[in-house]
Amino acid sequence: MEPTTNHKPTVLMVEDEEDTASLLKFLLERASYAVVHAKDGRQAQELADTMAPPDIVLLDVMLPFLSGLQVLTYLRKRDDWGEVPIVMLTADGSEHDIKRALENGANDYMVKPFNPRELTSRLKRFVDQAA
């Protein structure tokens, strides 16, 4: 299959905080990602049930209804989402949560406030590895 030059990698962004979500969407679209936004853990699960697996997931830990760690576990149990890189993004940098996220299948973990250039570089690395 020939790689198409106009294919934008898709990122599922799960973020409940509106300002952070707007900033992330802006940064990701500027970095040539197609962004699908879920505003809480339940919506993220519904999207996982209905959409094709994205190229990468950016997942907040503290979310309404279901935590990011619950969503992470749910995504990792799905056969078609097993290889999708998942980067956790949270204001909580506790060692315990980082350890739990990585043990449950997260590929990376970033703490807010984040450096935009570092965030897009980390995402690009995962998407490039998968391509």
N, C-alpha and C. Protein backbone atom coordinates (compact mmCIF):
# COMPACT_ATOMS: atom_id res chain seq x y z
N MET A 1 0.84 -1.18 0.00
CA MET A 1 0.00 0.00 0.00
C MET A 1 0.89 1.25 0.00
N GLU A 2 0.63 2.13 -0.91
CA GLU A 2 1.40 3.37 -1.00
C GLU A 2 0.98 4.32 0.13
N PRO A 3 1.96 4.88 0.82
CA PRO A 3 1.58 5.85 1.85
C PRO A 3 1.03 7.11 1.19
N THR A 4 -0.07 7.59 1.70
CA THR A 4 -0.64 8.81 1.13
C THR A 4 -0.07 10.00 1.89
N THR A 5 0.26 11.02 1.14
CA THR A 5 0.88 12.18 1.76
C THR A 5 -0.13 13.04 2.51
N ASN A 6 -1.42 12.86 2.18
CA ASN A 6 -2.42 13.71 2.84
C ASN A 6 -3.07 13.04 4.04
N HIS A 7 -2.63 11.84 4.41
CA HIS A 7 -3.20 11.18 5.59
C HIS A 7 -2.71 11.88 6.86
N LYS A 8 -3.65 12.38 7.62
CA LYS A 8 -3.30 12.97 8.91
C LYS A 8 -3.45 11.89 9.96
N PRO A 9 -2.45 11.71 10.81
CA PRO A 9 -2.63 10.75 11.89
C PRO A 9 -3.76 11.23 12.81
N THR A 10 -4.55 10.28 13.28
CA THR A 10 -5.68 10.61 14.16
C THR A 10 -5.26 10.45 15.61
N VAL A 11 -5.63 11.43 16.43
CA VAL A 11 -5.39 11.33 17.86
C VAL A 11 -6.73 11.41 18.58
N LEU A 12 -6.96 10.45 19.48
CA LEU A 12 -8.12 10.53 20.37
C LEU A 12 -7.64 11.26 21.62
N MET A 13 -8.18 12.46 21.82
CA MET A 13 -7.79 13.28 22.96
C MET A 13 -8.91 13.21 23.99
N VAL A 14 -8.59 12.72 25.19
CA VAL A 14 -9.58 12.60 26.25
C VAL A 14 -9.20 13.61 27.33
N GLU A 15 -9.94 14.70 27.37
CA GLU A 15 -9.62 15.82 28.27
C GLU A 15 -10.91 16.52 28.65
N ASP A 16 -11.18 16.64 29.97
CA ASP A 16 -12.42 17.26 30.42
C ASP A 16 -12.31 18.76 30.61
N GLU A 17 -11.13 19.28 30.82
CA GLU A 17 -10.93 20.70 31.10
C GLU A 17 -10.96 21.47 29.77
N GLU A 18 -11.95 22.34 29.62
CA GLU A 18 -12.18 23.00 28.34
C GLU A 18 -11.00 23.80 27.81
N ASP A 19 -10.37 24.59 28.67
CA ASP A 19 -9.23 25.41 28.21
C ASP A 19 -8.07 24.53 27.75
N THR A 20 -7.79 23.48 28.52
CA THR A 20 -6.71 22.57 28.16
C THR A 20 -7.05 21.85 26.86
N ALA A 21 -8.31 21.43 26.71
CA ALA A 21 -8.74 20.74 25.50
C ALA A 21 -8.58 21.65 24.28
N SER A 22 -8.96 22.92 24.41
CA SER A 22 -8.83 23.86 23.29
C SER A 22 -7.36 24.06 22.91
N LEU A 23 -6.52 24.20 23.92
CA LEU A 23 -5.09 24.37 23.67
C LEU A 23 -4.51 23.13 22.98
N LEU A 24 -4.84 21.96 23.51
CA LEU A 24 -4.34 20.71 22.92
C LEU A 24 -4.81 20.54 21.48
N LYS A 25 -6.10 20.82 21.25
CA LYS A 25 -6.66 20.69 19.90
C LYS A 25 -5.90 21.61 18.94
N PHE A 26 -5.66 22.84 19.36
CA PHE A 26 -4.93 23.80 18.53
C PHE A 26 -3.52 23.28 18.23
N LEU A 27 -2.80 22.84 19.27
CA LEU A 27 -1.43 22.34 19.09
C LEU A 27 -1.39 21.12 18.17
N LEU A 28 -2.31 20.20 18.40
CA LEU A 28 -2.32 18.95 17.63
C LEU A 28 -2.70 19.20 16.17
N GLU A 29 -3.69 20.05 15.95
CA GLU A 29 -4.07 20.34 14.56
C GLU A 29 -2.95 21.08 13.85
N ARG A 30 -2.26 21.96 14.55
CA ARG A 30 -1.13 22.67 13.95
C ARG A 30 0.00 21.69 13.62
N ALA A 31 0.10 20.61 14.39
CA ALA A 31 1.11 19.58 14.14
C ALA A 31 0.59 18.51 13.16
N SER A 32 -0.50 18.82 12.47
CA SER A 32 -1.09 17.98 11.42
C SER A 32 -1.74 16.69 11.89
N TYR A 33 -2.40 16.76 13.04
CA TYR A 33 -3.19 15.61 13.51
C TYR A 33 -4.66 15.90 13.28
N ALA A 34 -5.42 14.85 13.01
CA ALA A 34 -6.88 14.94 13.03
C ALA A 34 -7.28 14.61 14.46
N VAL A 35 -8.01 15.51 15.11
CA VAL A 35 -8.31 15.35 16.54
C VAL A 35 -9.75 14.91 16.76
N VAL A 36 -9.92 13.83 17.52
CA VAL A 36 -11.24 13.40 17.99
C VAL A 36 -11.22 13.65 19.49
N HIS A 37 -12.18 14.43 19.99
CA HIS A 37 -12.16 14.84 21.40
C HIS A 37 -13.26 14.15 22.20
N ALA A 38 -12.87 13.50 23.28
CA ALA A 38 -13.83 12.98 24.25
C ALA A 38 -13.68 13.82 25.51
N LYS A 39 -14.79 14.26 26.08
CA LYS A 39 -14.71 15.17 27.23
C LYS A 39 -14.79 14.46 28.58
N ASP A 40 -14.99 13.13 28.56
CA ASP A 40 -14.99 12.38 29.82
C ASP A 40 -14.71 10.91 29.53
N GLY A 41 -14.54 10.14 30.59
CA GLY A 41 -14.19 8.74 30.44
C GLY A 41 -15.25 7.91 29.75
N ARG A 42 -16.51 8.22 30.03
CA ARG A 42 -17.60 7.46 29.42
C ARG A 42 -17.64 7.70 27.91
N GLN A 43 -17.49 8.96 27.51
CA GLN A 43 -17.49 9.29 26.08
C GLN A 43 -16.28 8.63 25.38
N ALA A 44 -15.16 8.56 26.07
CA ALA A 44 -13.98 7.90 25.49
C ALA A 44 -14.26 6.42 25.23
N GLN A 45 -14.94 5.76 26.17
CA GLN A 45 -15.30 4.35 25.98
C GLN A 45 -16.27 4.19 24.81
N GLU A 46 -17.25 5.07 24.72
CA GLU A 46 -18.22 5.00 23.62
C GLU A 46 -17.51 5.17 22.28
N LEU A 47 -16.57 6.10 22.20
CA LEU A 47 -15.81 6.30 20.96
C LEU A 47 -14.99 5.06 20.63
N ALA A 48 -14.39 4.44 21.66
CA ALA A 48 -13.59 3.23 21.44
C ALA A 48 -14.45 2.11 20.86
N ASP A 49 -15.73 2.10 21.22
CA ASP A 49 -16.64 1.07 20.72
C ASP A 49 -17.10 1.34 19.29
N THR A 50 -17.00 2.60 18.85
CA THR A 50 -17.60 2.95 17.56
C THR A 50 -16.60 3.41 16.50
N MET A 51 -15.46 3.95 16.89
CA MET A 51 -14.53 4.47 15.89
C MET A 51 -13.41 3.47 15.59
N ALA A 52 -12.78 3.64 14.44
CA ALA A 52 -11.60 2.84 14.13
C ALA A 52 -10.50 3.28 15.09
N PRO A 53 -9.61 2.37 15.49
CA PRO A 53 -8.53 2.77 16.40
C PRO A 53 -7.73 3.93 15.81
N PRO A 54 -7.44 4.94 16.63
CA PRO A 54 -6.67 6.09 16.14
C PRO A 54 -5.18 5.72 16.08
N ASP A 55 -4.38 6.66 15.62
CA ASP A 55 -2.93 6.44 15.58
C ASP A 55 -2.32 6.56 16.97
N ILE A 56 -2.97 7.36 17.82
CA ILE A 56 -2.46 7.58 19.18
C ILE A 56 -3.59 8.10 20.06
N VAL A 57 -3.47 7.87 21.37
CA VAL A 57 -4.45 8.38 22.34
C VAL A 57 -3.71 9.27 23.34
N LEU A 58 -4.28 10.43 23.60
CA LEU A 58 -3.78 11.35 24.62
C LEU A 58 -4.85 11.36 25.70
N LEU A 59 -4.52 10.82 26.88
CA LEU A 59 -5.53 10.51 27.88
C LEU A 59 -5.24 11.18 29.22
N ASP A 60 -6.16 12.03 29.64
CA ASP A 60 -6.07 12.65 30.96
C ASP A 60 -6.37 11.57 32.01
N VAL A 61 -5.81 11.72 33.21
CA VAL A 61 -6.06 10.73 34.26
C VAL A 61 -7.33 11.06 35.03
N MET A 62 -7.47 12.31 35.44
CA MET A 62 -8.63 12.70 36.25
C MET A 62 -9.75 13.18 35.34
N LEU A 63 -10.78 12.32 35.20
CA LEU A 63 -11.89 12.59 34.29
C LEU A 63 -13.22 12.31 34.99
N PRO A 64 -14.31 12.96 34.53
CA PRO A 64 -15.63 12.62 35.06
C PRO A 64 -16.05 11.20 34.64
N PHE A 65 -16.88 10.57 35.43
CA PHE A 65 -17.49 9.25 35.20
C PHE A 65 -16.52 8.08 35.32
N LEU A 66 -15.49 8.04 34.47
CA LEU A 66 -14.48 6.99 34.53
C LEU A 66 -13.12 7.65 34.52
N SER A 67 -12.21 7.19 35.34
CA SER A 67 -10.88 7.79 35.36
C SER A 67 -10.11 7.39 34.11
N GLY A 68 -9.05 8.13 33.82
CA GLY A 68 -8.18 7.79 32.70
C GLY A 68 -7.59 6.40 32.86
N LEU A 69 -7.32 5.99 34.10
CA LEU A 69 -6.77 4.65 34.33
C LEU A 69 -7.81 3.58 33.99
N GLN A 70 -9.09 3.84 34.28
CA GLN A 70 -10.15 2.90 33.90
C GLN A 70 -10.29 2.83 32.38
N VAL A 71 -10.22 3.98 31.73
CA VAL A 71 -10.30 4.02 30.26
C VAL A 71 -9.10 3.29 29.66
N LEU A 72 -7.92 3.51 30.22
CA LEU A 72 -6.70 2.84 29.76
C LEU A 72 -6.88 1.33 29.81
N THR A 73 -7.36 0.81 30.94
CA THR A 73 -7.58 -0.63 31.09
C THR A 73 -8.59 -1.13 30.06
N TYR A 74 -9.66 -0.36 29.86
CA TYR A 74 -10.69 -0.72 28.88
C TYR A 74 -10.10 -0.80 27.47
N LEU A 75 -9.32 0.21 27.10
CA LEU A 75 -8.72 0.23 25.75
C LEU A 75 -7.76 -0.93 25.55
N ARG A 76 -6.98 -1.25 26.57
CA ARG A 76 -5.99 -2.32 26.46
C ARG A 76 -6.64 -3.71 26.38
N LYS A 77 -7.88 -3.83 26.83
CA LYS A 77 -8.58 -5.12 26.75
C LYS A 77 -9.17 -5.35 25.37
N ARG A 78 -9.27 -4.31 24.56
CA ARG A 78 -9.85 -4.42 23.21
C ARG A 78 -8.76 -4.88 22.24
N ASP A 79 -9.06 -5.94 21.50
CA ASP A 79 -8.08 -6.49 20.56
C ASP A 79 -7.58 -5.46 19.56
N ASP A 80 -8.52 -4.69 18.98
CA ASP A 80 -8.15 -3.76 17.92
C ASP A 80 -7.41 -2.51 18.42
N TRP A 81 -7.42 -2.27 19.72
CA TRP A 81 -6.75 -1.09 20.28
C TRP A 81 -5.46 -1.45 21.01
N GLY A 82 -5.11 -2.71 21.03
CA GLY A 82 -3.97 -3.17 21.80
C GLY A 82 -2.64 -2.55 21.44
N GLU A 83 -2.46 -2.21 20.17
CA GLU A 83 -1.18 -1.66 19.70
C GLU A 83 -1.18 -0.13 19.63
N VAL A 84 -2.31 0.50 19.94
CA VAL A 84 -2.39 1.97 19.85
C VAL A 84 -1.57 2.59 20.98
N PRO A 85 -0.61 3.46 20.65
CA PRO A 85 0.15 4.13 21.71
C PRO A 85 -0.77 5.03 22.54
N ILE A 86 -0.61 4.96 23.86
CA ILE A 86 -1.41 5.79 24.76
C ILE A 86 -0.48 6.61 25.63
N VAL A 87 -0.64 7.93 25.56
CA VAL A 87 0.16 8.85 26.37
C VAL A 87 -0.78 9.46 27.40
N MET A 88 -0.45 9.25 28.66
CA MET A 88 -1.24 9.82 29.75
C MET A 88 -0.77 11.27 29.96
N LEU A 89 -1.73 12.15 30.20
CA LEU A 89 -1.42 13.56 30.42
C LEU A 89 -2.22 14.00 31.64
N THR A 90 -1.53 14.41 32.70
CA THR A 90 -2.27 14.74 33.92
C THR A 90 -1.57 15.77 34.78
N ALA A 91 -2.36 16.40 35.63
CA ALA A 91 -1.81 17.36 36.59
C ALA A 91 -1.22 16.62 37.79
N ASP A 92 -1.53 15.34 37.90
CA ASP A 92 -1.06 14.56 39.04
C ASP A 92 0.19 13.79 38.68
N GLY A 93 1.32 14.24 39.19
CA GLY A 93 2.58 13.59 38.88
C GLY A 93 3.03 12.61 39.95
N SER A 94 2.07 12.06 40.71
CA SER A 94 2.47 11.16 41.79
C SER A 94 3.06 9.88 41.21
N GLU A 95 4.13 9.43 41.84
CA GLU A 95 4.84 8.25 41.39
C GLU A 95 3.91 7.04 41.33
N HIS A 96 3.00 6.93 42.29
CA HIS A 96 2.05 5.82 42.35
C HIS A 96 1.19 5.76 41.07
N ASP A 97 0.64 6.92 40.67
CA ASP A 97 -0.22 6.95 39.47
C ASP A 97 0.58 6.68 38.20
N ILE A 98 1.78 7.21 38.13
CA ILE A 98 2.63 6.98 36.96
C ILE A 98 2.91 5.49 36.83
N LYS A 99 3.27 4.86 37.95
CA LYS A 99 3.58 3.43 37.98
C LYS A 99 2.34 2.63 37.55
N ARG A 100 1.18 2.97 38.11
CA ARG A 100 -0.06 2.25 37.75
C ARG A 100 -0.38 2.38 36.27
N ALA A 101 -0.24 3.59 35.75
CA ALA A 101 -0.55 3.82 34.32
C ALA A 101 0.38 2.99 33.43
N LEU A 102 1.67 3.02 33.74
CA LEU A 102 2.63 2.28 32.92
C LEU A 102 2.40 0.77 33.05
N GLU A 103 2.08 0.30 34.25
CA GLU A 103 1.81 -1.13 34.45
C GLU A 103 0.54 -1.57 33.71
N ASN A 104 -0.41 -0.64 33.54
CA ASN A 104 -1.67 -0.97 32.86
C ASN A 104 -1.61 -0.75 31.35
N GLY A 105 -0.43 -0.43 30.84
CA GLY A 105 -0.30 -0.37 29.39
C GLY A 105 -0.09 0.98 28.76
N ALA A 106 0.06 2.05 29.56
CA ALA A 106 0.36 3.35 28.96
C ALA A 106 1.77 3.30 28.38
N ASN A 107 1.97 3.98 27.27
CA ASN A 107 3.29 4.02 26.64
C ASN A 107 4.15 5.16 27.18
N ASP A 108 3.49 6.21 27.68
CA ASP A 108 4.23 7.36 28.16
C ASP A 108 3.34 8.13 29.12
N TYR A 109 3.93 9.08 29.85
CA TYR A 109 3.22 9.81 30.89
C TYR A 109 3.79 11.22 30.94
N MET A 110 2.96 12.20 30.78
CA MET A 110 3.40 13.60 30.86
C MET A 110 2.58 14.33 31.92
N VAL A 111 3.25 15.22 32.63
CA VAL A 111 2.59 15.97 33.70
C VAL A 111 2.32 17.40 33.22
N LYS A 112 1.10 17.89 33.53
CA LYS A 112 0.74 19.28 33.24
C LYS A 112 1.33 20.17 34.32
N PRO A 113 1.70 21.38 34.04
CA PRO A 113 1.71 21.98 32.71
C PRO A 113 2.81 21.34 31.85
N PHE A 114 2.52 21.16 30.58
CA PHE A 114 3.44 20.50 29.68
C PHE A 114 4.07 21.49 28.71
N ASN A 115 5.19 21.11 28.15
CA ASN A 115 5.84 21.90 27.12
C ASN A 115 5.24 21.47 25.79
N PRO A 116 4.60 22.38 25.05
CA PRO A 116 3.94 22.00 23.79
C PRO A 116 4.87 21.29 22.80
N ARG A 117 6.09 21.76 22.67
CA ARG A 117 7.01 21.16 21.71
C ARG A 117 7.39 19.74 22.14
N GLU A 118 7.57 19.55 23.45
CA GLU A 118 7.88 18.22 23.96
C GLU A 118 6.70 17.27 23.73
N LEU A 119 5.50 17.75 23.97
CA LEU A 119 4.30 16.93 23.77
C LEU A 119 4.21 16.46 22.32
N THR A 120 4.29 17.39 21.37
CA THR A 120 4.15 17.00 19.97
C THR A 120 5.32 16.12 19.52
N SER A 121 6.50 16.32 20.07
CA SER A 121 7.65 15.46 19.74
C SER A 121 7.42 14.04 20.23
N ARG A 122 6.92 13.90 21.44
CA ARG A 122 6.66 12.56 21.99
C ARG A 122 5.60 11.83 21.17
N LEU A 123 4.52 12.54 20.83
CA LEU A 123 3.46 11.94 20.03
C LEU A 123 3.99 11.51 18.67
N LYS A 124 4.77 12.38 18.04
CA LYS A 124 5.32 12.09 16.72
C LYS A 124 6.19 10.84 16.77
N ARG A 125 6.96 10.69 17.83
CA ARG A 125 7.83 9.53 17.96
C ARG A 125 7.00 8.24 17.94
N PHE A 126 5.90 8.21 18.68
CA PHE A 126 5.05 7.00 18.71
C PHE A 126 4.38 6.75 17.36
N VAL A 127 3.86 7.83 16.76
CA VAL A 127 3.18 7.67 15.47
C VAL A 127 4.17 7.21 14.39
N ASP A 128 5.37 7.77 14.39
CA ASP A 128 6.39 7.37 13.42
C ASP A 128 6.81 5.91 13.61
N GLN A 129 6.93 5.47 14.86
CA GLN A 129 7.30 4.08 15.15
C GLN A 129 6.24 3.13 14.63
N ALA A 130 4.99 3.52 14.75
CA ALA A 130 3.88 2.65 14.35
C ALA A 130 3.72 2.60 12.83
N ALA A 131 4.17 3.65 12.15
CA ALA A 131 3.97 3.75 10.68
C ALA A 131 4.84 2.73 9.93
